[in-house]
Amino acid sequence: DKLKKYSGQILAVHEIFEKRPDIVKTYGVWLRYNSRSGTHNMYKEFRELTLNGAIDKLYAEMASLHRARFASIQIIKTAVIPADKARRPATLQFLNSKIKFPLPHRVSM
């Protein structure tokens, strides 16, 4: 038997909290969204402290770059991605252990 959306009911809603919210992790998000031209599948990576933060970034990025509304995005799967499995260049540049952030314009007080 198939259960239709309107015949079911929500029993409980629980927010998931991170075990270690002080460590930056790479999150992979698989999603499907409807655009003006059709349905698209997509994979995105985010560097964030929590999964909730990564999903917030996802919605903001999809709204800005793809003009996709909240209701048209379906998140299929999320996972913490180890450093050797990361794919995107924007993510890979931060996985270098010898990364430095120079401060070119310091103002002395």
Protein backbone atom coordinates (compact mmCIF):
# COMPACT_ATOMS: atom_id res chain seq x y z
CA ASP A 1 0.00 0.00 0.00
CA LYS A 2 1.08 3.54 -0.74
CA LEU A 3 0.62 6.26 1.84
CA LYS A 4 -0.41 9.57 0.34
CA LYS A 5 0.96 12.78 1.81
CA TYR A 6 -2.42 14.16 2.87
CA SER A 7 -3.49 10.97 4.66
CA GLY A 8 -0.45 10.83 6.98
CA GLN A 9 0.29 12.94 10.03
CA ILE A 10 3.42 14.25 11.74
CA LEU A 11 3.92 12.52 15.08
CA ALA A 12 7.05 14.25 16.33
CA VAL A 13 9.72 16.72 15.25
CA HIS A 14 13.18 16.54 16.83
CA GLU A 15 16.11 18.84 16.10
CA ILE A 16 19.40 16.99 15.64
CA PHE A 17 22.33 18.49 17.56
CA GLU A 18 25.98 17.98 16.62
CA LYS A 19 28.27 15.98 18.89
CA ARG A 20 31.23 18.26 18.13
CA PRO A 21 29.97 21.70 16.96
CA ASP A 22 33.43 23.24 17.48
CA ILE A 23 35.17 21.36 14.63
CA VAL A 24 34.83 22.37 10.98
CA LYS A 25 33.61 19.51 8.78
CA THR A 26 32.92 19.08 5.08
CA TYR A 27 29.29 18.23 4.38
CA GLY A 28 28.08 16.73 1.13
CA VAL A 29 24.46 17.37 0.14
CA TRP A 30 22.62 15.51 -2.61
CA LEU A 31 19.49 17.33 -3.73
CA ARG A 32 16.83 17.64 -6.40
CA TYR A 33 15.22 20.92 -7.36
CA ASN A 34 12.66 22.19 -9.82
CA SER A 35 13.68 25.07 -12.02
CA ARG A 36 11.79 26.86 -14.77
CA SER A 37 13.20 24.40 -17.32
CA GLY A 38 12.72 21.12 -15.44
CA THR A 39 13.96 18.97 -12.56
CA HIS A 40 17.68 18.79 -11.80
CA ASN A 41 19.78 16.57 -9.53
CA MET A 42 22.78 18.15 -7.84
CA TYR A 43 25.63 17.49 -5.41
CA LYS A 44 27.11 20.31 -3.34
CA GLU A 45 29.81 20.54 -0.66
CA PHE A 46 29.96 22.97 2.24
CA ARG A 47 32.56 23.62 4.96
CA GLU A 48 30.62 24.32 8.13
CA LEU A 49 30.51 23.62 11.86
CA THR A 50 27.04 22.03 11.91
CA LEU A 51 24.72 20.29 9.47
CA ASN A 52 22.07 22.96 10.13
CA GLY A 53 24.57 25.64 9.09
CA ALA A 54 25.41 23.72 5.91
CA ILE A 55 21.73 23.43 5.00
CA ASP A 56 21.22 27.16 5.63
CA LYS A 57 24.12 27.86 3.26
CA LEU A 58 22.58 25.48 0.72
CA TYR A 59 19.23 27.31 0.69
CA ALA A 60 20.94 30.70 0.43
CA GLU A 61 23.18 29.54 -2.43
CA MET A 62 20.34 27.88 -4.33
CA ALA A 63 18.21 31.02 -4.00
CA SER A 64 21.01 33.30 -5.20
CA LEU A 65 22.70 31.27 -7.94
CA HIS A 66 19.83 29.17 -9.25
CA ARG A 67 16.77 31.22 -8.22
CA ALA A 68 15.33 28.09 -6.58
CA ARG A 69 12.77 28.64 -3.85
CA PHE A 70 12.66 26.76 -0.56
CA ALA A 71 9.61 24.72 -1.60
CA SER A 72 11.19 23.55 -4.88
CA ILE A 73 14.28 22.00 -3.19
CA GLN A 74 14.24 18.38 -1.98
CA ILE A 75 17.25 17.22 0.04
CA ILE A 76 17.89 13.56 -0.77
CA LYS A 77 20.91 12.81 1.42
CA THR A 78 23.52 14.52 3.60
CA ALA A 79 26.84 13.15 4.82
CA VAL A 80 30.11 14.22 6.43
CA ILE A 81 32.71 13.88 3.68
CA PRO A 82 36.29 12.82 4.57
CA ALA A 83 39.10 14.95 3.15
CA ASP A 84 40.15 12.38 0.52
CA LYS A 85 36.59 12.13 -0.89
CA ALA A 86 36.01 15.88 -1.37
CA ARG A 87 35.46 16.85 -5.02
CA ARG A 88 34.80 20.57 -5.36
CA PRO A 89 37.73 23.01 -5.86
CA ALA A 90 36.18 25.50 -3.41
CA THR A 91 36.31 22.81 -0.73
CA LEU A 92 39.68 21.32 -1.68
CA GLN A 93 41.56 24.60 -1.23
CA PHE A 94 40.78 24.57 2.51
CA LEU A 95 41.87 20.95 3.08
CA ASN A 96 45.58 21.76 2.78
CA SER A 97 47.24 21.32 6.19
CA LYS A 98 49.74 24.12 5.47
CA ILE A 99 47.13 26.74 4.54
CA LYS A 100 47.90 30.31 5.65
CA PHE A 101 45.69 33.36 5.84
CA PRO A 102 47.91 36.42 5.39
CA LEU A 103 46.86 39.75 6.87
CA PRO A 104 48.07 42.24 4.24
CA HIS A 105 46.57 45.41 5.74
CA ARG A 106 47.19 45.52 9.47
CA VAL A 107 46.39 48.73 11.26
CA SER A 108 48.42 49.40 14.39
CA MET A 109 46.57 50.84 17.36
